[in-house]
């Protein structure tokens, strides 16, 4: 079975809606699924927000680190049922 990861190009989203859109996309994932965000700057502050708001629920992997494009895969852990 081949699954295509969703790519969310946040450069096309209005600044006040970026983080809410990213979190909604994450929350809509099934455990084990992932999506990729594409941004024009390092989304490190978003990673810290994820650590605070979704602690233990995600994995963050840089796929590309600038200088013009950053791509990050955010996946939802399978272990949500072990809480």
PDB file of N, CA and C in Angstrom:
ATOM      1  N   UNK A   1       0.847  -1.177   0.000  1.00  0.00           N
ATOM      2  CA  UNK A   1       0.000   0.000   0.000  1.00  0.00           C
ATOM      3  C   UNK A   1       0.888   1.235   0.000  1.00  0.00           C
ATOM      4  N   UNK A   2       0.667   2.138  -0.908  1.00  0.00           N
ATOM      5  CA  UNK A   2       1.446   3.362  -1.006  1.00  0.00           C
ATOM      6  C   UNK A   2       0.601   4.535  -0.519  1.00  0.00           C
ATOM      7  N   UNK A   3       1.155   5.308   0.398  1.00  0.00           N
ATOM      8  CA  UNK A   3       0.454   6.474   0.921  1.00  0.00           C
ATOM      9  C   UNK A   3       1.260   7.708   0.557  1.00  0.00           C
ATOM     10  N   UNK A   4       0.584   8.680  -0.024  1.00  0.00           N
ATOM     11  CA  UNK A   4       1.238   9.937  -0.363  1.00  0.00           C
ATOM     12  C   UNK A   4       1.059  10.897   0.796  1.00  0.00           C
ATOM     13  N   UNK A   5       2.185  11.437   1.279  1.00  0.00           N
ATOM     14  CA  UNK A   5       2.101  12.388   2.368  1.00  0.00           C
ATOM     15  C   UNK A   5       1.583  13.718   1.863  1.00  0.00           C
ATOM     16  N   UNK A   6       0.718  14.310   2.648  1.00  0.00           N
ATOM     17  CA  UNK A   6       0.223  15.645   2.341  1.00  0.00           C
ATOM     18  C   UNK A   6       1.351  16.644   2.538  1.00  0.00           C
ATOM     19  N   UNK A   7       1.470  17.585   1.624  1.00  0.00           N
ATOM     20  CA  UNK A   7       2.431  18.683   1.763  1.00  0.00           C
ATOM     21  C   UNK A   7       1.631  19.951   1.996  1.00  0.00           C
ATOM     22  N   UNK A   8       1.919  20.603   3.101  1.00  0.00           N
ATOM     23  CA  UNK A   8       1.245  21.837   3.464  1.00  0.00           C
ATOM     24  C   UNK A   8       2.227  22.987   3.253  1.00  0.00           C
ATOM     25  N   UNK A   9       1.985  23.773   2.194  1.00  0.00           N
ATOM     26  CA  UNK A   9       2.849  24.907   1.880  1.00  0.00           C
ATOM     27  C   UNK A   9       2.367  26.102   2.695  1.00  0.00           C
ATOM     28  N   UNK A  10       3.014  26.336   3.838  1.00  0.00           N
ATOM     29  CA  UNK A  10       2.540  27.395   4.738  1.00  0.00           C
ATOM     30  C   UNK A  10       2.920  28.786   4.249  1.00  0.00           C
ATOM     31  N   UNK A  11       3.740  28.875   3.209  1.00  0.00           N
ATOM     32  CA  UNK A  11       4.056  30.194   2.654  1.00  0.00           C
ATOM     33  C   UNK A  11       2.827  30.823   2.004  1.00  0.00           C
ATOM     34  N   UNK A  12       1.825  30.018   1.698  1.00  0.00           N
ATOM     35  CA  UNK A  12       0.615  30.509   1.033  1.00  0.00           C
ATOM     36  C   UNK A  12      -0.516  30.782   2.020  1.00  0.00           C
ATOM     37  N   UNK A  13      -0.241  30.656   3.324  1.00  0.00           N
ATOM     38  CA  UNK A  13      -1.255  30.850   4.364  1.00  0.00           C
ATOM     39  C   UNK A  13      -0.980  32.171   5.077  1.00  0.00           C
ATOM     40  N   UNK A  14      -2.038  32.928   5.354  1.00  0.00           N
ATOM     41  CA  UNK A  14      -1.893  34.196   6.074  1.00  0.00           C
ATOM     42  C   UNK A  14      -1.254  33.942   7.440  1.00  0.00           C
ATOM     43  N   UNK A  15      -0.313  34.787   7.853  1.00  0.00           N
ATOM     44  CA  UNK A  15       0.415  34.557   9.113  1.00  0.00           C
ATOM     45  C   UNK A  15      -0.445  34.204  10.331  1.00  0.00           C
ATOM     46  N   UNK A  16      -1.577  34.891  10.564  1.00  0.00           N
ATOM     47  CA  UNK A  16      -2.352  34.532  11.765  1.00  0.00           C
ATOM     48  C   UNK A  16      -2.956  33.124  11.701  1.00  0.00           C
ATOM     49  N   UNK A  17      -3.047  32.557  10.496  1.00  0.00           N
ATOM     50  CA  UNK A  17      -3.668  31.242  10.333  1.00  0.00           C
ATOM     51  C   UNK A  17      -2.666  30.094  10.218  1.00  0.00           C
ATOM     52  N   UNK A  18      -1.362  30.402  10.140  1.00  0.00           N
ATOM     53  CA  UNK A  18      -0.362  29.346   9.907  1.00  0.00           C
ATOM     54  C   UNK A  18      -0.377  28.281  10.987  1.00  0.00           C
ATOM     55  N   UNK A  19      -0.123  28.664  12.221  1.00  0.00           N
ATOM     56  CA  UNK A  19      -0.039  27.661  13.285  1.00  0.00           C
ATOM     57  C   UNK A  19      -1.368  26.946  13.511  1.00  0.00           C
ATOM     58  N   UNK A  20      -2.513  27.662  13.561  1.00  0.00           N
ATOM     59  CA  UNK A  20      -3.780  26.934  13.705  1.00  0.00           C
ATOM     60  C   UNK A  20      -4.020  25.918  12.587  1.00  0.00           C
ATOM     61  N   UNK A  21      -3.651  26.272  11.357  1.00  0.00           N
ATOM     62  CA  UNK A  21      -3.830  25.343  10.231  1.00  0.00           C
ATOM     63  C   UNK A  21      -2.924  24.125  10.388  1.00  0.00           C
ATOM     64  N   UNK A  22      -1.693  24.346  10.803  1.00  0.00           N
ATOM     65  CA  UNK A  22      -0.747  23.237  10.996  1.00  0.00           C
ATOM     66  C   UNK A  22      -1.238  22.316  12.104  1.00  0.00           C
ATOM     67  N   UNK A  23      -1.685  22.877  13.219  1.00  0.00           N
ATOM     68  CA  UNK A  23      -2.172  22.044  14.322  1.00  0.00           C
ATOM     69  C   UNK A  23      -3.437  21.289  13.945  1.00  0.00           C
ATOM     70  N   UNK A  24      -4.340  21.912  13.172  1.00  0.00           N
ATOM     71  CA  UNK A  24      -5.540  21.198  12.732  1.00  0.00           C
ATOM     72  C   UNK A  24      -5.159  20.043  11.816  1.00  0.00           C
ATOM     73  N   UNK A  25      -4.211  20.288  10.911  1.00  0.00           N
ATOM     74  CA  UNK A  25      -3.753  19.217  10.019  1.00  0.00           C
ATOM     75  C   UNK A  25      -3.181  18.066  10.829  1.00  0.00           C
ATOM     76  N   UNK A  26      -2.374  18.384  11.839  1.00  0.00           N
ATOM     77  CA  UNK A  26      -1.815  17.345  12.704  1.00  0.00           C
ATOM     78  C   UNK A  26      -2.924  16.599  13.443  1.00  0.00           C
ATOM     79  N   UNK A  27      -3.855  17.338  14.037  1.00  0.00           N
ATOM     80  CA  UNK A  27      -4.925  16.712  14.818  1.00  0.00           C
ATOM     81  C   UNK A  27      -5.809  15.808  13.969  1.00  0.00           C
ATOM     82  N   UNK A  28      -5.917  16.099  12.677  1.00  0.00           N
ATOM     83  CA  UNK A  28      -6.731  15.280  11.771  1.00  0.00           C
ATOM     84  C   UNK A  28      -6.025  14.004  11.323  1.00  0.00           C
ATOM     85  N   UNK A  29      -4.727  13.869  11.612  1.00  0.00           N
ATOM     86  CA  UNK A  29      -3.991  12.658  11.242  1.00  0.00           C
ATOM     87  C   UNK A  29      -4.433  11.478  12.085  1.00  0.00           C
ATOM     88  N   UNK A  30      -4.360  10.311  11.486  1.00  0.00           N
ATOM     89  CA  UNK A  30      -4.505   9.069  12.238  1.00  0.00           C
ATOM     90  C   UNK A  30      -3.138   8.721  12.827  1.00  0.00           C
ATOM     91  N   UNK A  31      -3.085   7.999  13.952  1.00  0.00           N
ATOM     92  CA  UNK A  31      -1.782   7.577  14.480  1.00  0.00           C
ATOM     93  C   UNK A  31      -0.973   6.841  13.407  1.00  0.00           C
ATOM     94  N   UNK A  32       0.300   7.214  13.290  1.00  0.00           N
ATOM     95  CA  UNK A  32       1.183   6.629  12.290  1.00  0.00           C
ATOM     96  C   UNK A  32       1.255   7.426  10.994  1.00  0.00           C
ATOM     97  N   UNK A  33       0.337   8.362  10.787  1.00  0.00           N
ATOM     98  CA  UNK A  33       0.359   9.188   9.583  1.00  0.00           C
ATOM     99  C   UNK A  33       1.254  10.402   9.798  1.00  0.00           C
ATOM    100  N   UNK A  34       1.601  11.062   8.678  1.00  0.00           N
ATOM    101  CA  UNK A  34       2.480  12.224   8.729  1.00  0.00           C
ATOM    102  C   UNK A  34       2.105  13.195   7.616  1.00  0.00           C
ATOM    103  N   UNK A  35       2.576  14.410   7.751  1.00  0.00           N
ATOM    104  CA  UNK A  35       2.487  15.392   6.676  1.00  0.00           C
ATOM    105  C   UNK A  35       3.768  16.206   6.682  1.00  0.00           C
ATOM    106  N   UNK A  36       3.987  16.946   5.591  1.00  0.00           N
ATOM    107  CA  UNK A  36       5.203  17.738   5.444  1.00  0.00           C
ATOM    108  C   UNK A  36       4.793  19.202   5.344  1.00  0.00           C
ATOM    109  N   UNK A  37       5.451  20.040   6.156  1.00  0.00           N
ATOM    110  CA  UNK A  37       5.240  21.470   5.982  1.00  0.00           C
ATOM    111  C   UNK A  37       6.397  22.027   5.171  1.00  0.00           C
ATOM    112  N   UNK A  38       6.067  22.974   4.307  1.00  0.00           N
ATOM    113  CA  UNK A  38       7.068  23.683   3.501  1.00  0.00           C
ATOM    114  C   UNK A  38       6.992  25.143   3.926  1.00  0.00           C
ATOM    115  N   UNK A  39       8.147  25.716   4.268  1.00  0.00           N
ATOM    116  CA  UNK A  39       8.172  27.083   4.771  1.00  0.00           C
ATOM    117  C   UNK A  39       9.361  27.838   4.190  1.00  0.00           C
ATOM    118  N   UNK A  40       9.329  29.168   4.312  1.00  0.00           N
ATOM    119  CA  UNK A  40      10.424  29.992   3.803  1.00  0.00           C
ATOM    120  C   UNK A  40      11.381  30.437   4.903  1.00  0.00           C
ATOM    121  N   UNK A  41      11.201  29.896   6.112  1.00  0.00           N
ATOM    122  CA  UNK A  41      12.119  30.150   7.219  1.00  0.00           C
ATOM    123  C   UNK A  41      12.088  28.940   8.151  1.00  0.00           C
ATOM    124  N   UNK A  42      13.053  28.852   9.033  1.00  0.00           N
ATOM    125  CA  UNK A  42      13.140  27.731   9.968  1.00  0.00           C
ATOM    126  C   UNK A  42      11.937  27.770  10.914  1.00  0.00           C
ATOM    127  N   UNK A  43      11.118  26.713  10.940  1.00  0.00           N
ATOM    128  CA  UNK A  43       9.937  26.701  11.792  1.00  0.00           C
ATOM    129  C   UNK A  43      10.219  26.243  13.228  1.00  0.00           C
ATOM    130  N   UNK A  44      11.431  26.461  13.704  1.00  0.00           N
ATOM    131  CA  UNK A  44      11.817  26.016  15.044  1.00  0.00           C
ATOM    132  C   UNK A  44      10.845  26.485  16.136  1.00  0.00           C
ATOM    133  N   UNK A  45      10.350  27.742  16.118  1.00  0.00           N
ATOM    134  CA  UNK A  45       9.374  28.133  17.153  1.00  0.00           C
ATOM    135  C   UNK A  45       8.128  27.245  17.152  1.00  0.00           C
ATOM    136  N   UNK A  46       7.723  26.799  15.966  1.00  0.00           N
ATOM    137  CA  UNK A  46       6.593  25.881  15.869  1.00  0.00           C
ATOM    138  C   UNK A  46       6.918  24.554  16.552  1.00  0.00           C
ATOM    139  N   UNK A  47       8.150  24.078  16.396  1.00  0.00           N
ATOM    140  CA  UNK A  47       8.550  22.837  17.051  1.00  0.00           C
ATOM    141  C   UNK A  47       8.409  22.966  18.571  1.00  0.00           C
ATOM    142  N   UNK A  48       8.828  24.103  19.127  1.00  0.00           N
ATOM    143  CA  UNK A  48       8.701  24.307  20.567  1.00  0.00           C
ATOM    144  C   UNK A  48       7.231  24.374  20.986  1.00  0.00           C
ATOM    145  N   UNK A  49       6.386  24.970  20.146  1.00  0.00           N
ATOM    146  CA  UNK A  49       4.959  25.008  20.438  1.00  0.00           C
ATOM    147  C   UNK A  49       4.386  23.592  20.418  1.00  0.00           C
ATOM    148  N   UNK A  50       4.810  22.763  19.456  1.00  0.00           N
ATOM    149  CA  UNK A  50       4.375  21.360  19.413  1.00  0.00           C
ATOM    150  C   UNK A  50       4.809  20.640  20.688  1.00  0.00           C
ATOM    151  N   UNK A  51       6.055  20.870  21.132  1.00  0.00           N
ATOM    152  CA  UNK A  51       6.542  20.207  22.340  1.00  0.00           C
ATOM    153  C   UNK A  51       5.695  20.579  23.542  1.00  0.00           C
ATOM    154  N   UNK A  52       5.209  21.810  23.588  1.00  0.00           N
ATOM    155  CA  UNK A  52       4.395  22.267  24.702  1.00  0.00           C
ATOM    156  C   UNK A  52       2.956  21.764  24.591  1.00  0.00           C
ATOM    157  N   UNK A  53       2.357  21.869  23.393  1.00  0.00           N
ATOM    158  CA  UNK A  53       0.933  21.578  23.226  1.00  0.00           C
ATOM    159  C   UNK A  53       0.622  20.122  22.862  1.00  0.00           C
ATOM    160  N   UNK A  54       1.587  19.414  22.297  1.00  0.00           N
ATOM    161  CA  UNK A  54       1.355  18.017  21.874  1.00  0.00           C
ATOM    162  C   UNK A  54       2.501  17.120  22.359  1.00  0.00           C
ATOM    163  N   UNK A  55       2.951  17.354  23.567  1.00  0.00           N
ATOM    164  CA  UNK A  55       4.093  16.624  24.127  1.00  0.00           C
ATOM    165  C   UNK A  55       3.896  15.115  24.011  1.00  0.00           C
ATOM    166  N   UNK A  56       4.917  14.441  23.460  1.00  0.00           N
ATOM    167  CA  UNK A  56       4.895  12.988  23.350  1.00  0.00           C
ATOM    168  C   UNK A  56       4.005  12.438  22.249  1.00  0.00           C
ATOM    169  N   UNK A  57       3.392  13.303  21.449  1.00  0.00           N
ATOM    170  CA  UNK A  57       2.441  12.840  20.434  1.00  0.00           C
ATOM    171  C   UNK A  57       2.994  12.887  19.008  1.00  0.00           C
ATOM    172  N   UNK A  58       4.186  13.443  18.813  1.00  0.00           N
ATOM    173  CA  UNK A  58       4.642  13.698  17.450  1.00  0.00           C
ATOM    174  C   UNK A  58       6.129  13.415  17.301  1.00  0.00           C
ATOM    175  N   UNK A  59       6.526  13.310  16.026  1.00  0.00           N
ATOM    176  CA  UNK A  59       7.947  13.277  15.666  1.00  0.00           C
ATOM    177  C   UNK A  59       8.180  14.376  14.648  1.00  0.00           C
ATOM    178  N   UNK A  60       9.304  15.068  14.775  1.00  0.00           N
ATOM    179  CA  UNK A  60       9.657  16.221  13.937  1.00  0.00           C
ATOM    180  C   UNK A  60      10.962  15.891  13.238  1.00  0.00           C
ATOM    181  N   UNK A  61      10.960  15.852  11.904  1.00  0.00           N
ATOM    182  CA  UNK A  61      12.160  15.522  11.146  1.00  0.00           C
ATOM    183  C   UNK A  61      12.359  16.565  10.050  1.00  0.00           C
ATOM    184  N   UNK A  62      13.510  17.244  10.108  1.00  0.00           N
ATOM    185  CA  UNK A  62      13.853  18.175   9.036  1.00  0.00           C
ATOM    186  C   UNK A  62      14.221  17.375   7.784  1.00  0.00           C
ATOM    187  N   UNK A  63      13.586  17.715   6.665  1.00  0.00           N
ATOM    188  CA  UNK A  63      13.909  17.107   5.376  1.00  0.00           C
ATOM    189  C   UNK A  63      14.775  18.040   4.534  1.00  0.00           C
ATOM    190  N   UNK A  64      14.621  19.332   4.763  1.00  0.00           N
ATOM    191  CA  UNK A  64      15.397  20.346   4.050  1.00  0.00           C
ATOM    192  C   UNK A  64      15.525  21.549   4.981  1.00  0.00           C
ATOM    193  N   UNK A  65      16.747  22.110   5.088  1.00  0.00           N
ATOM    194  CA  UNK A  65      16.997  23.180   6.050  1.00  0.00           C
ATOM    195  C   UNK A  65      17.596  24.418   5.393  1.00  0.00           C
ATOM    196  N   UNK A  66      16.812  25.030   4.503  1.00  0.00           N
ATOM    197  CA  UNK A  66      17.173  26.321   3.932  1.00  0.00           C
ATOM    198  C   UNK A  66      18.309  26.261   2.933  1.00  0.00           C
ATOM    199  N   UNK A  67      18.749  27.412   2.516  1.00  0.00           N
ATOM    200  CA  UNK A  67      18.461  28.736   3.077  1.00  0.00           C
ATOM    201  C   UNK A  67      17.157  29.359   2.577  1.00  0.00           C
ATOM    202  N   UNK A  68      16.562  28.819   1.520  1.00  0.00           N
ATOM    203  CA  UNK A  68      15.330  29.419   1.006  1.00  0.00           C
ATOM    204  C   UNK A  68      14.092  28.607   1.332  1.00  0.00           C
ATOM    205  N   UNK A  69      14.228  27.308   1.462  1.00  0.00           N
ATOM    206  CA  UNK A  69      13.090  26.427   1.731  1.00  0.00           C
ATOM    207  C   UNK A  69      13.431  25.509   2.903  1.00  0.00           C
ATOM    208  N   UNK A  70      12.486  25.386   3.804  1.00  0.00           N
ATOM    209  CA  UNK A  70      12.570  24.401   4.889  1.00  0.00           C
ATOM    210  C   UNK A  70      11.396  23.459   4.714  1.00  0.00           C
ATOM    211  N   UNK A  71      11.690  22.176   4.825  1.00  0.00           N
ATOM    212  CA  UNK A  71      10.639  21.153   4.792  1.00  0.00           C
ATOM    213  C   UNK A  71      10.810  20.284   6.028  1.00  0.00           C
ATOM    214  N   UNK A  72       9.686  20.053   6.715  1.00  0.00           N
ATOM    215  CA  UNK A  72       9.696  19.276   7.951  1.00  0.00           C
ATOM    216  C   UNK A  72       8.574  18.253   7.890  1.00  0.00           C
ATOM    217  N   UNK A  73       8.908  17.001   8.193  1.00  0.00           N
ATOM    218  CA  UNK A  73       7.879  15.961   8.312  1.00  0.00           C
ATOM    219  C   UNK A  73       7.445  15.902   9.777  1.00  0.00           C
ATOM    220  N   UNK A  74       6.145  16.034   9.985  1.00  0.00           N
ATOM    221  CA  UNK A  74       5.566  15.921  11.327  1.00  0.00           C
ATOM    222  C   UNK A  74       4.673  14.697  11.309  1.00  0.00           C
ATOM    223  N   UNK A  75       4.988  13.740  12.155  1.00  0.00           N
ATOM    224  CA  UNK A  75       4.194  12.514  12.197  1.00  0.00           C
ATOM    225  C   UNK A  75       3.570  12.339  13.573  1.00  0.00           C
ATOM    226  N   UNK A  76       2.433  11.654  13.585  1.00  0.00           N
ATOM    227  CA  UNK A  76       1.710  11.391  14.830  1.00  0.00           C
ATOM    228  C   UNK A  76       2.094  10.009  15.320  1.00  0.00           C
ATOM    229  N   UNK A  77       2.504   9.938  16.578  1.00  0.00           N
ATOM    230  CA  UNK A  77       2.900   8.660  17.166  1.00  0.00           C
ATOM    231  C   UNK A  77       1.745   7.667  17.201  1.00  0.00           C
ATOM    232  N   UNK A  78       2.110   6.406  17.118  1.00  0.00           N
ATOM    233  CA  UNK A  78       1.137   5.320  17.242  1.00  0.00           C
ATOM    234  C   UNK A  78       0.743   5.041  18.678  1.00  0.00           C
ATOM    235  N   UNK A  79       1.524   5.515  19.646  1.00  0.00           N
ATOM    236  CA  UNK A  79       1.365   5.092  21.035  1.00  0.00           C
ATOM    237  C   UNK A  79       0.355   5.911  21.821  1.00  0.00           C
ATOM    238  N   UNK A  80      -0.610   6.534  21.153  1.00  0.00           N
ATOM    239  CA  UNK A  80      -1.596   7.346  21.866  1.00  0.00           C
ATOM    240  C   UNK A  80      -2.469   6.507  22.783  1.00  0.00           C
ATOM    241  N   UNK A  81      -2.654   5.223  22.456  1.00  0.00           N
ATOM    242  CA  UNK A  81      -3.510   4.379  23.285  1.00  0.00           C
ATOM    243  C   UNK A  81      -2.804   3.900  24.548  1.00  0.00           C
ATOM    244  N   UNK A  82      -1.535   4.240  24.750  1.00  0.00           N
ATOM    245  CA  UNK A  82      -0.811   3.783  25.938  1.00  0.00           C
ATOM    246  C   UNK A  82      -0.834   4.825  27.055  1.00  0.00           C
ATOM    247  N   UNK A  83      -1.652   5.866  26.905  1.00  0.00           N
ATOM    248  CA  UNK A  83      -1.710   6.899  27.924  1.00  0.00           C
ATOM    249  C   UNK A  83      -2.483   6.440  29.129  1.00  0.00           C
TER     250      UNK A  83
END
